[in-house]
Amino acid sequence: TDFVAPLVPIGLGAGRIGNFINHELPGRVTDLPWGMPFP
């Protein structure tokens, strides 16, 4: 598992980008300048 652990994060990051493209996991409402409406 020590060998495997550093190999995992790139896949985690890529999967989250896939969530974003799929319009999944919207955030809470914000007034920050990088906020965006989710479809």
PDB file of all heavy atoms in Angstrom:
ATOM      1  N   THR A   1       0.824  -1.211   0.000  1.00  0.00           N
ATOM      2  CA  THR A   1       0.000   0.000   0.000  1.00  0.00           C
ATOM      3  C   THR A   1       0.862   1.266   0.000  1.00  0.00           C
ATOM      4  O   THR A   1       0.472   2.280  -0.580  1.00  0.00           O
ATOM      5  CB  THR A   1      -0.959   0.017   1.206  1.00  0.00           C
ATOM      6  OG1 THR A   1      -0.213  -0.077   2.430  1.00  0.00           O
ATOM      7  CG2 THR A   1      -1.948  -1.129   1.119  1.00  0.00           C
ATOM      8  N   ASP A   2       2.038   1.207   0.636  1.00  0.00           N
ATOM      9  CA  ASP A   2       2.957   2.350   0.560  1.00  0.00           C
ATOM     10  C   ASP A   2       3.416   2.587  -0.872  1.00  0.00           C
ATOM     11  O   ASP A   2       3.624   3.732  -1.299  1.00  0.00           O
ATOM     12  CB  ASP A   2       4.180   2.107   1.450  1.00  0.00           C
ATOM     13  CG  ASP A   2       3.870   2.227   2.932  1.00  0.00           C
ATOM     14  OD1 ASP A   2       2.798   2.755   3.281  1.00  0.00           O
ATOM     15  OD2 ASP A   2       4.703   1.781   3.742  1.00  0.00           O
ATOM     16  N   PHE A   3       3.585   1.504  -1.618  1.00  0.00           N
ATOM     17  CA  PHE A   3       3.973   1.603  -3.021  1.00  0.00           C
ATOM     18  C   PHE A   3       2.830   2.168  -3.862  1.00  0.00           C
ATOM     19  O   PHE A   3       3.041   2.993  -4.762  1.00  0.00           O
ATOM     20  CB  PHE A   3       4.373   0.220  -3.535  1.00  0.00           C
ATOM     21  CG  PHE A   3       4.542   0.125  -5.023  1.00  0.00           C
ATOM     22  CD1 PHE A   3       5.656   0.654  -5.647  1.00  0.00           C
ATOM     23  CD2 PHE A   3       3.580  -0.500  -5.802  1.00  0.00           C
ATOM     24  CE1 PHE A   3       5.814   0.572  -7.020  1.00  0.00           C
ATOM     25  CE2 PHE A   3       3.726  -0.598  -7.177  1.00  0.00           C
ATOM     26  CZ  PHE A   3       4.844  -0.060  -7.793  1.00  0.00           C
ATOM     27  N   VAL A   4       1.606   1.756  -3.555  1.00  0.00           N
ATOM     28  CA  VAL A   4       0.447   2.144  -4.362  1.00  0.00           C
ATOM     29  C   VAL A   4      -0.006   3.580  -4.084  1.00  0.00           C
ATOM     30  O   VAL A   4      -0.433   4.294  -5.002  1.00  0.00           O
ATOM     31  CB  VAL A   4      -0.718   1.158  -4.111  1.00  0.00           C
ATOM     32  CG1 VAL A   4      -2.007   1.669  -4.746  1.00  0.00           C
ATOM     33  CG2 VAL A   4      -0.378  -0.222  -4.664  1.00  0.00           C
ATOM     34  N   ALA A   5       0.089   4.022  -2.843  1.00  0.00           N
ATOM     35  CA  ALA A   5      -0.488   5.316  -2.447  1.00  0.00           C
ATOM     36  C   ALA A   5      -0.067   6.486  -3.333  1.00  0.00           C
ATOM     37  O   ALA A   5      -0.924   7.271  -3.760  1.00  0.00           O
ATOM     38  CB  ALA A   5      -0.160   5.602  -0.974  1.00  0.00           C
ATOM     39  N   PRO A   6       1.220   6.655  -3.677  1.00  0.00           N
ATOM     40  CA  PRO A   6       1.582   7.798  -4.521  1.00  0.00           C
ATOM     41  C   PRO A   6       1.099   7.673  -5.965  1.00  0.00           C
ATOM     42  O   PRO A   6       1.151   8.659  -6.716  1.00  0.00           O
ATOM     43  CB  PRO A   6       3.125   7.792  -4.476  1.00  0.00           C
ATOM     44  CG  PRO A   6       3.484   6.986  -3.277  1.00  0.00           C
ATOM     45  CD  PRO A   6       2.413   5.955  -3.168  1.00  0.00           C
ATOM     46  N   LEU A   7       0.641   6.484  -6.359  1.00  0.00           N
ATOM     47  CA  LEU A   7       0.173   6.287  -7.731  1.00  0.00           C
ATOM     48  C   LEU A   7      -1.281   6.691  -7.916  1.00  0.00           C
ATOM     49  O   LEU A   7      -1.751   6.832  -9.043  1.00  0.00           O
ATOM     50  CB  LEU A   7       0.326   4.807  -8.135  1.00  0.00           C
ATOM     51  CG  LEU A   7       1.654   4.118  -7.830  1.00  0.00           C
ATOM     52  CD1 LEU A   7       1.611   2.683  -8.345  1.00  0.00           C
ATOM     53  CD2 LEU A   7       2.817   4.876  -8.432  1.00  0.00           C
ATOM     54  N   VAL A   8      -1.984   6.878  -6.807  1.00  0.00           N
ATOM     55  CA  VAL A   8      -3.434   7.069  -6.853  1.00  0.00           C
ATOM     56  C   VAL A   8      -3.878   8.502  -7.157  1.00  0.00           C
ATOM     57  O   VAL A   8      -4.850   8.709  -7.878  1.00  0.00           O
ATOM     58  CB  VAL A   8      -4.052   6.591  -5.521  1.00  0.00           C
ATOM     59  CG1 VAL A   8      -5.535   6.929  -5.444  1.00  0.00           C
ATOM     60  CG2 VAL A   8      -3.829   5.094  -5.347  1.00  0.00           C
ATOM     61  N   PRO A   9      -3.227   9.560  -6.638  1.00  0.00           N
ATOM     62  CA  PRO A   9      -3.786  10.905  -6.736  1.00  0.00           C
ATOM     63  C   PRO A   9      -4.053  11.414  -8.148  1.00  0.00           C
ATOM     64  O   PRO A   9      -5.027  12.153  -8.343  1.00  0.00           O
ATOM     65  CB  PRO A   9      -2.737  11.777  -6.025  1.00  0.00           C
ATOM     66  CG  PRO A   9      -2.105  10.860  -5.038  1.00  0.00           C
ATOM     67  CD  PRO A   9      -2.043   9.537  -5.735  1.00  0.00           C
ATOM     68  N   ILE A  10      -3.234  11.069  -9.122  1.00  0.00           N
ATOM     69  CA  ILE A  10      -3.501  11.565 -10.473  1.00  0.00           C
ATOM     70  C   ILE A  10      -4.865  11.076 -10.955  1.00  0.00           C
ATOM     71  O   ILE A  10      -5.644  11.821 -11.560  1.00  0.00           O
ATOM     72  CB  ILE A  10      -2.385  11.133 -11.442  1.00  0.00           C
ATOM     73  CG1 ILE A  10      -1.089  11.864 -11.082  1.00  0.00           C
ATOM     74  CG2 ILE A  10      -2.773  11.431 -12.892  1.00  0.00           C
ATOM     75  CD1 ILE A  10       0.074  11.525 -11.977  1.00  0.00           C
ATOM     76  N   GLY A  11      -5.177   9.822 -10.657  1.00  0.00           N
ATOM     77  CA  GLY A  11      -6.490   9.303 -11.013  1.00  0.00           C
ATOM     78  C   GLY A  11      -7.608  10.008 -10.259  1.00  0.00           C
ATOM     79  O   GLY A  11      -8.684  10.260 -10.822  1.00  0.00           O
ATOM     80  N   LEU A  12      -7.371  10.335  -8.987  1.00  0.00           N
ATOM     81  CA  LEU A  12      -8.379  11.059  -8.220  1.00  0.00           C
ATOM     82  C   LEU A  12      -8.646  12.427  -8.837  1.00  0.00           C
ATOM     83  O   LEU A  12      -9.800  12.843  -8.990  1.00  0.00           O
ATOM     84  CB  LEU A  12      -7.921  11.228  -6.770  1.00  0.00           C
ATOM     85  CG  LEU A  12      -7.773   9.960  -5.929  1.00  0.00           C
ATOM     86  CD1 LEU A  12      -7.293  10.319  -4.534  1.00  0.00           C
ATOM     87  CD2 LEU A  12      -9.082   9.202  -5.866  1.00  0.00           C
ATOM     88  N   GLY A  13      -7.560  13.132  -9.186  1.00  0.00           N
ATOM     89  CA  GLY A  13      -7.722  14.449  -9.796  1.00  0.00           C
ATOM     90  C   GLY A  13      -8.435  14.376 -11.134  1.00  0.00           C
ATOM     91  O   GLY A  13      -9.320  15.184 -11.434  1.00  0.00           O
ATOM     92  N   ALA A  14      -8.054  13.398 -11.952  1.00  0.00           N
ATOM     93  CA  ALA A  14      -8.699  13.234 -13.259  1.00  0.00           C
ATOM     94  C   ALA A  14     -10.178  12.908 -13.091  1.00  0.00           C
ATOM     95  O   ALA A  14     -11.032  13.404 -13.833  1.00  0.00           O
ATOM     96  CB  ALA A  14      -7.992  12.139 -14.056  1.00  0.00           C
ATOM     97  N   GLY A  15     -10.499  12.072 -12.108  1.00  0.00           N
ATOM     98  CA  GLY A  15     -11.899  11.728 -11.866  1.00  0.00           C
ATOM     99  C   GLY A  15     -12.721  12.939 -11.471  1.00  0.00           C
ATOM    100  O   GLY A  15     -13.888  13.080 -11.891  1.00  0.00           O
ATOM    101  N   ARG A  16     -12.139  13.840 -10.685  1.00  0.00           N
ATOM    102  CA  ARG A  16     -12.864  15.057 -10.301  1.00  0.00           C
ATOM    103  C   ARG A  16     -13.093  15.965 -11.512  1.00  0.00           C
ATOM    104  O   ARG A  16     -14.125  16.641 -11.607  1.00  0.00           O
ATOM    105  CB  ARG A  16     -12.097  15.814  -9.217  1.00  0.00           C
ATOM    106  CG  ARG A  16     -12.018  15.085  -7.885  1.00  0.00           C
ATOM    107  CD  ARG A  16     -13.375  14.619  -7.416  1.00  0.00           C
ATOM    108  NE  ARG A  16     -13.309  14.004  -6.085  1.00  0.00           N
ATOM    109  CZ  ARG A  16     -14.311  13.335  -5.540  1.00  0.00           C
ATOM    110  NH1 ARG A  16     -15.437  13.158  -6.219  1.00  0.00           N
ATOM    111  NH2 ARG A  16     -14.186  12.812  -4.328  1.00  0.00           N
ATOM    112  N   ILE A  17     -12.161  15.991 -12.425  1.00  0.00           N
ATOM    113  CA  ILE A  17     -12.386  16.753 -13.661  1.00  0.00           C
ATOM    114  C   ILE A  17     -13.536  16.123 -14.449  1.00  0.00           C
ATOM    115  O   ILE A  17     -14.369  16.813 -15.043  1.00  0.00           O
ATOM    116  CB  ILE A  17     -11.096  16.800 -14.499  1.00  0.00           C
ATOM    117  CG1 ILE A  17     -10.043  17.632 -13.754  1.00  0.00           C
ATOM    118  CG2 ILE A  17     -11.360  17.400 -15.884  1.00  0.00           C
ATOM    119  CD1 ILE A  17      -8.674  17.620 -14.405  1.00  0.00           C
ATOM    120  N   GLY A  18     -13.586  14.780 -14.448  1.00  0.00           N
ATOM    121  CA  GLY A  18     -14.714  14.094 -15.073  1.00  0.00           C
ATOM    122  C   GLY A  18     -16.028  14.470 -14.416  1.00  0.00           C
ATOM    123  O   GLY A  18     -17.050  14.663 -15.097  1.00  0.00           O
ATOM    124  N   ASN A  19     -16.044  14.596 -13.074  1.00  0.00           N
ATOM    125  CA  ASN A  19     -17.247  15.057 -12.381  1.00  0.00           C
ATOM    126  C   ASN A  19     -17.660  16.442 -12.861  1.00  0.00           C
ATOM    127  O   ASN A  19     -18.855  16.714 -13.071  1.00  0.00           O
ATOM    128  CB  ASN A  19     -17.003  15.119 -10.868  1.00  0.00           C
ATOM    129  CG  ASN A  19     -16.845  13.757 -10.220  1.00  0.00           C
ATOM    130  OD1 ASN A  19     -15.998  13.570  -9.349  1.00  0.00           O
ATOM    131  ND2 ASN A  19     -17.646  12.779 -10.617  1.00  0.00           N
ATOM    132  N   PHE A  20     -16.681  17.321 -13.032  1.00  0.00           N
ATOM    133  CA  PHE A  20     -16.965  18.693 -13.468  1.00  0.00           C
ATOM    134  C   PHE A  20     -17.569  18.698 -14.863  1.00  0.00           C
ATOM    135  O   PHE A  20     -18.549  19.406 -15.129  1.00  0.00           O
ATOM    136  CB  PHE A  20     -15.673  19.509 -13.431  1.00  0.00           C
ATOM    137  CG  PHE A  20     -15.860  20.958 -13.768  1.00  0.00           C
ATOM    138  CD1 PHE A  20     -16.441  21.833 -12.853  1.00  0.00           C
ATOM    139  CD2 PHE A  20     -15.468  21.471 -14.999  1.00  0.00           C
ATOM    140  CE1 PHE A  20     -16.614  23.177 -13.154  1.00  0.00           C
ATOM    141  CE2 PHE A  20     -15.634  22.809 -15.312  1.00  0.00           C
ATOM    142  CZ  PHE A  20     -16.215  23.659 -14.383  1.00  0.00           C
ATOM    143  N   ILE A  21     -17.012  17.909 -15.770  1.00  0.00           N
ATOM    144  CA  ILE A  21     -17.539  17.843 -17.133  1.00  0.00           C
ATOM    145  C   ILE A  21     -18.958  17.269 -17.129  1.00  0.00           C
ATOM    146  O   ILE A  21     -19.818  17.686 -17.921  1.00  0.00           O
ATOM    147  CB  ILE A  21     -16.607  16.988 -18.019  1.00  0.00           C
ATOM    148  CG1 ILE A  21     -15.258  17.698 -18.182  1.00  0.00           C
ATOM    149  CG2 ILE A  21     -17.239  16.721 -19.382  1.00  0.00           C
ATOM    150  CD1 ILE A  21     -14.214  16.873 -18.903  1.00  0.00           C
ATOM    151  N   ASN A  22     -19.226  16.340 -16.225  1.00  0.00           N
ATOM    152  CA  ASN A  22     -20.555  15.720 -16.117  1.00  0.00           C
ATOM    153  C   ASN A  22     -21.561  16.574 -15.349  1.00  0.00           C
ATOM    154  O   ASN A  22     -22.688  16.150 -15.121  1.00  0.00           O
ATOM    155  CB  ASN A  22     -20.445  14.365 -15.411  1.00  0.00           C
ATOM    156  CG  ASN A  22     -20.233  13.218 -16.365  1.00  0.00           C
ATOM    157  OD1 ASN A  22     -20.029  13.422 -17.559  1.00  0.00           O
ATOM    158  ND2 ASN A  22     -20.263  12.000 -15.857  1.00  0.00           N
ATOM    159  N   HIS A  23     -21.149  17.780 -14.928  1.00  0.00           N
ATOM    160  CA  HIS A  23     -22.007  18.691 -14.164  1.00  0.00           C
ATOM    161  C   HIS A  23     -22.377  18.083 -12.816  1.00  0.00           C
ATOM    162  O   HIS A  23     -23.476  18.311 -12.306  1.00  0.00           O
ATOM    163  CB  HIS A  23     -23.293  19.035 -14.944  1.00  0.00           C
ATOM    164  CG  HIS A  23     -23.061  19.499 -16.335  1.00  0.00           C
ATOM    165  ND1 HIS A  23     -24.000  19.357 -17.341  1.00  0.00           N
ATOM    166  CD2 HIS A  23     -21.977  20.085 -16.914  1.00  0.00           C
ATOM    167  CE1 HIS A  23     -23.527  19.837 -18.473  1.00  0.00           C
ATOM    168  NE2 HIS A  23     -22.291  20.288 -18.230  1.00  0.00           N
ATOM    169  N   GLU A  24     -21.453  17.341 -12.220  1.00  0.00           N
ATOM    170  CA  GLU A  24     -21.699  16.702 -10.938  1.00  0.00           C
ATOM    171  C   GLU A  24     -21.004  17.475  -9.810  1.00  0.00           C
ATOM    172  O   GLU A  24     -20.105  18.265 -10.047  1.00  0.00           O
ATOM    173  CB  GLU A  24     -21.169  15.265 -10.945  1.00  0.00           C
ATOM    174  CG  GLU A  24     -21.853  14.371 -11.973  1.00  0.00           C
ATOM    175  CD  GLU A  24     -21.171  13.022 -12.118  1.00  0.00           C
ATOM    176  OE1 GLU A  24     -19.965  12.915 -11.801  1.00  0.00           O
ATOM    177  OE2 GLU A  24     -21.835  12.085 -12.557  1.00  0.00           O
ATOM    178  N   LEU A  25     -21.441  17.208  -8.596  1.00  0.00           N
ATOM    179  CA  LEU A  25     -20.851  17.766  -7.373  1.00  0.00           C
ATOM    180  C   LEU A  25     -20.850  19.298  -7.369  1.00  0.00           C
ATOM    181  O   LEU A  25     -19.806  19.931  -7.166  1.00  0.00           O
ATOM    182  CB  LEU A  25     -19.415  17.253  -7.178  1.00  0.00           C
ATOM    183  CG  LEU A  25     -19.201  15.750  -7.323  1.00  0.00           C
ATOM    184  CD1 LEU A  25     -17.752  15.407  -7.031  1.00  0.00           C
ATOM    185  CD2 LEU A  25     -20.143  14.978  -6.425  1.00  0.00           C
ATOM    186  N   PRO A  26     -21.990  19.940  -7.575  1.00  0.00           N
ATOM    187  CA  PRO A  26     -22.013  21.406  -7.499  1.00  0.00           C
ATOM    188  C   PRO A  26     -21.669  21.885  -6.105  1.00  0.00           C
ATOM    189  O   PRO A  26     -21.933  21.214  -5.108  1.00  0.00           O
ATOM    190  CB  PRO A  26     -23.469  21.754  -7.858  1.00  0.00           C
ATOM    191  CG  PRO A  26     -24.240  20.522  -7.516  1.00  0.00           C
ATOM    192  CD  PRO A  26     -23.320  19.372  -7.786  1.00  0.00           C
ATOM    193  N   GLY A  27     -21.074  23.064  -6.040  1.00  0.00           N
ATOM    194  CA  GLY A  27     -20.730  23.646  -4.756  1.00  0.00           C
ATOM    195  C   GLY A  27     -21.891  24.445  -4.185  1.00  0.00           C
ATOM    196  O   GLY A  27     -22.967  24.545  -4.780  1.00  0.00           O
ATOM    197  N   ARG A  28     -21.647  25.021  -3.032  1.00  0.00           N
ATOM    198  CA  ARG A  28     -22.656  25.882  -2.423  1.00  0.00           C
ATOM    199  C   ARG A  28     -22.572  27.266  -3.053  1.00  0.00           C
ATOM    200  O   ARG A  28     -21.585  27.643  -3.674  1.00  0.00           O
ATOM    201  CB  ARG A  28     -22.443  25.953  -0.912  1.00  0.00           C
ATOM    202  CG  ARG A  28     -22.468  24.580  -0.250  1.00  0.00           C
ATOM    203  CD  ARG A  28     -22.367  24.663   1.265  1.00  0.00           C
ATOM    204  NE  ARG A  28     -22.021  23.357   1.845  1.00  0.00           N
ATOM    205  CZ  ARG A  28     -21.937  23.100   3.116  1.00  0.00           C
ATOM    206  NH1 ARG A  28     -22.167  24.069   4.004  1.00  0.00           N
ATOM    207  NH2 ARG A  28     -21.608  21.893   3.556  1.00  0.00           N
ATOM    208  N   VAL A  29     -23.629  28.042  -2.858  1.00  0.00           N
ATOM    209  CA  VAL A  29     -23.699  29.389  -3.432  1.00  0.00           C
ATOM    210  C   VAL A  29     -22.590  30.258  -2.851  1.00  0.00           C
ATOM    211  O   VAL A  29     -22.283  30.182  -1.653  1.00  0.00           O
ATOM    212  CB  VAL A  29     -25.082  30.010  -3.150  1.00  0.00           C
ATOM    213  CG1 VAL A  29     -25.123  31.460  -3.632  1.00  0.00           C
ATOM    214  CG2 VAL A  29     -26.180  29.189  -3.823  1.00  0.00           C
ATOM    215  N   THR A  30     -21.971  31.073  -3.705  1.00  0.00           N
ATOM    216  CA  THR A  30     -20.868  31.938  -3.283  1.00  0.00           C
ATOM    217  C   THR A  30     -20.909  33.265  -4.022  1.00  0.00           C
ATOM    218  O   THR A  30     -21.487  33.361  -5.123  1.00  0.00           O
ATOM    219  CB  THR A  30     -19.516  31.250  -3.556  1.00  0.00           C
ATOM    220  OG1 THR A  30     -18.454  32.102  -3.132  1.00  0.00           O
ATOM    221  CG2 THR A  30     -19.326  30.962  -5.035  1.00  0.00           C
ATOM    222  N   ASP A  31     -20.299  34.288  -3.413  1.00  0.00           N
ATOM    223  CA  ASP A  31     -20.161  35.568  -4.105  1.00  0.00           C
ATOM    224  C   ASP A  31     -18.716  35.809  -4.532  1.00  0.00           C
ATOM    225  O   ASP A  31     -18.354  36.912  -4.948  1.00  0.00           O
ATOM    226  CB  ASP A  31     -20.650  36.726  -3.227  1.00  0.00           C
ATOM    227  CG  ASP A  31     -19.920  36.797  -1.880  1.00  0.00           C
ATOM    228  OD1 ASP A  31     -19.011  35.960  -1.643  1.00  0.00           O
ATOM    229  OD2 ASP A  31     -20.255  37.674  -1.067  1.00  0.00           O
ATOM    230  N   LEU A  32     -17.885  34.785  -4.447  1.00  0.00           N
ATOM    231  CA  LEU A  32     -16.504  34.911  -4.897  1.00  0.00           C
ATOM    232  C   LEU A  32     -16.452  35.052  -6.410  1.00  0.00           C
ATOM    233  O   LEU A  32     -17.323  34.531  -7.124  1.00  0.00           O
ATOM    234  CB  LEU A  32     -15.691  33.694  -4.448  1.00  0.00           C
ATOM    235  CG  LEU A  32     -15.472  33.566  -2.930  1.00  0.00           C
ATOM    236  CD1 LEU A  32     -14.827  32.236  -2.585  1.00  0.00           C
ATOM    237  CD2 LEU A  32     -14.620  34.722  -2.430  1.00  0.00           C
ATOM    238  N   PRO A  33     -15.447  35.749  -6.954  1.00  0.00           N
ATOM    239  CA  PRO A  33     -15.428  36.052  -8.392  1.00  0.00           C
ATOM    240  C   PRO A  33     -15.315  34.839  -9.290  1.00  0.00           C
ATOM    241  O   PRO A  33     -15.624  34.928 -10.481  1.00  0.00           O
ATOM    242  CB  PRO A  33     -14.211  36.982  -8.545  1.00  0.00           C
ATOM    243  CG  PRO A  33     -13.372  36.748  -7.326  1.00  0.00           C
ATOM    244  CD  PRO A  33     -14.329  36.406  -6.239  1.00  0.00           C
ATOM    245  N   TRP A  34     -14.865  33.688  -8.760  1.00  0.00           N
ATOM    246  CA  TRP A  34     -14.759  32.502  -9.614  1.00  0.00           C
ATOM    247  C   TRP A  34     -15.969  31.575  -9.466  1.00  0.00           C
ATOM    248  O   TRP A  34     -15.962  30.465  -9.953  1.00  0.00           O
ATOM    249  CB  TRP A  34     -13.470  31.744  -9.322  1.00  0.00           C
ATOM    250  CG  TRP A  34     -13.293  31.351  -7.882  1.00  0.00           C
ATOM    251  CD1 TRP A  34     -13.839  30.275  -7.248  1.00  0.00           C
ATOM    252  CD2 TRP A  34     -12.518  32.045  -6.903  1.00  0.00           C
ATOM    253  NE1 TRP A  34     -13.457  30.242  -5.924  1.00  0.00           N
ATOM    254  CE2 TRP A  34     -12.635  31.333  -5.684  1.00  0.00           C
ATOM    255  CE3 TRP A  34     -11.737  33.225  -6.943  1.00  0.00           C
ATOM    256  CZ2 TRP A  34     -12.007  31.747  -4.523  1.00  0.00           C
ATOM    257  CZ3 TRP A  34     -11.120  33.636  -5.769  1.00  0.00           C
ATOM    258  CH2 TRP A  34     -11.254  32.900  -4.583  1.00  0.00           C
ATOM    259  N   GLY A  35     -17.005  32.044  -8.781  1.00  0.00           N
ATOM    260  CA  GLY A  35     -18.224  31.263  -8.710  1.00  0.00           C
ATOM    261  C   GLY A  35     -18.863  31.151 -10.085  1.00  0.00           C
ATOM    262  O   GLY A  35     -18.689  32.015 -10.951  1.00  0.00           O
ATOM    263  N   MET A  36     -19.609  30.091 -10.308  1.00  0.00           N
ATOM    264  CA  MET A  36     -20.248  29.874 -11.606  1.00  0.00           C
ATOM    265  C   MET A  36     -21.552  29.117 -11.414  1.00  0.00           C
ATOM    266  O   MET A  36     -21.665  28.263 -10.532  1.00  0.00           O
ATOM    267  CB  MET A  36     -19.316  29.102 -12.549  1.00  0.00           C
ATOM    268  CG  MET A  36     -18.858  27.755 -12.022  1.00  0.00           C
ATOM    269  SD  MET A  36     -17.701  26.908 -13.140  1.00  0.00           S
ATOM    270  CE  MET A  36     -16.240  27.955 -12.962  1.00  0.00           C
ATOM    271  N   PRO A  37     -22.578  29.443 -12.217  1.00  0.00           N
ATOM    272  CA  PRO A  37     -23.837  28.689 -12.126  1.00  0.00           C
ATOM    273  C   PRO A  37     -23.668  27.291 -12.710  1.00  0.00           C
ATOM    274  O   PRO A  37     -23.082  27.132 -13.783  1.00  0.00           O
ATOM    275  CB  PRO A  37     -24.815  29.528 -12.948  1.00  0.00           C
ATOM    276  CG  PRO A  37     -23.951  30.301 -13.895  1.00  0.00           C
ATOM    277  CD  PRO A  37     -22.652  30.543 -13.192  1.00  0.00           C
ATOM    278  N   PHE A  38     -24.153  26.280 -11.994  1.00  0.00           N
ATOM    279  CA  PHE A  38     -24.067  24.905 -12.475  1.00  0.00           C
ATOM    280  C   PHE A  38     -25.302  24.563 -13.290  1.00  0.00           C
ATOM    281  O   PHE A  38     -26.429  24.852 -12.867  1.00  0.00           O
ATOM    282  CB  PHE A  38     -23.925  23.931 -11.303  1.00  0.00           C
ATOM    283  CG  PHE A  38     -22.503  23.714 -10.863  1.00  0.00           C
ATOM    284  CD1 PHE A  38     -21.753  24.750 -10.337  1.00  0.00           C
ATOM    285  CD2 PHE A  38     -21.912  22.462 -10.982  1.00  0.00           C
ATOM    286  CE1 PHE A  38     -20.447  24.554  -9.936  1.00  0.00           C
ATOM    287  CE2 PHE A  38     -20.608  22.250 -10.584  1.00  0.00           C
ATOM    288  CZ  PHE A  38     -19.869  23.303 -10.062  1.00  0.00           C
ATOM    289  N   PRO A  39     -25.119  23.939 -14.439  1.00  0.00           N
ATOM    290  CA  PRO A  39     -26.274  23.554 -15.258  1.00  0.00           C
ATOM    291  C   PRO A  39     -27.246  22.682 -14.478  1.00  0.00           C
ATOM    292  O   PRO A  39     -26.859  21.739 -13.796  1.00  0.00           O
ATOM    293  CB  PRO A  39     -25.638  22.756 -16.412  1.00  0.00           C
ATOM    294  CG  PRO A  39     -24.230  23.266 -16.500  1.00  0.00           C
ATOM    295  CD  PRO A  39     -23.845  23.575 -15.086  1.00  0.00           C
TER     296      PRO A  39
END
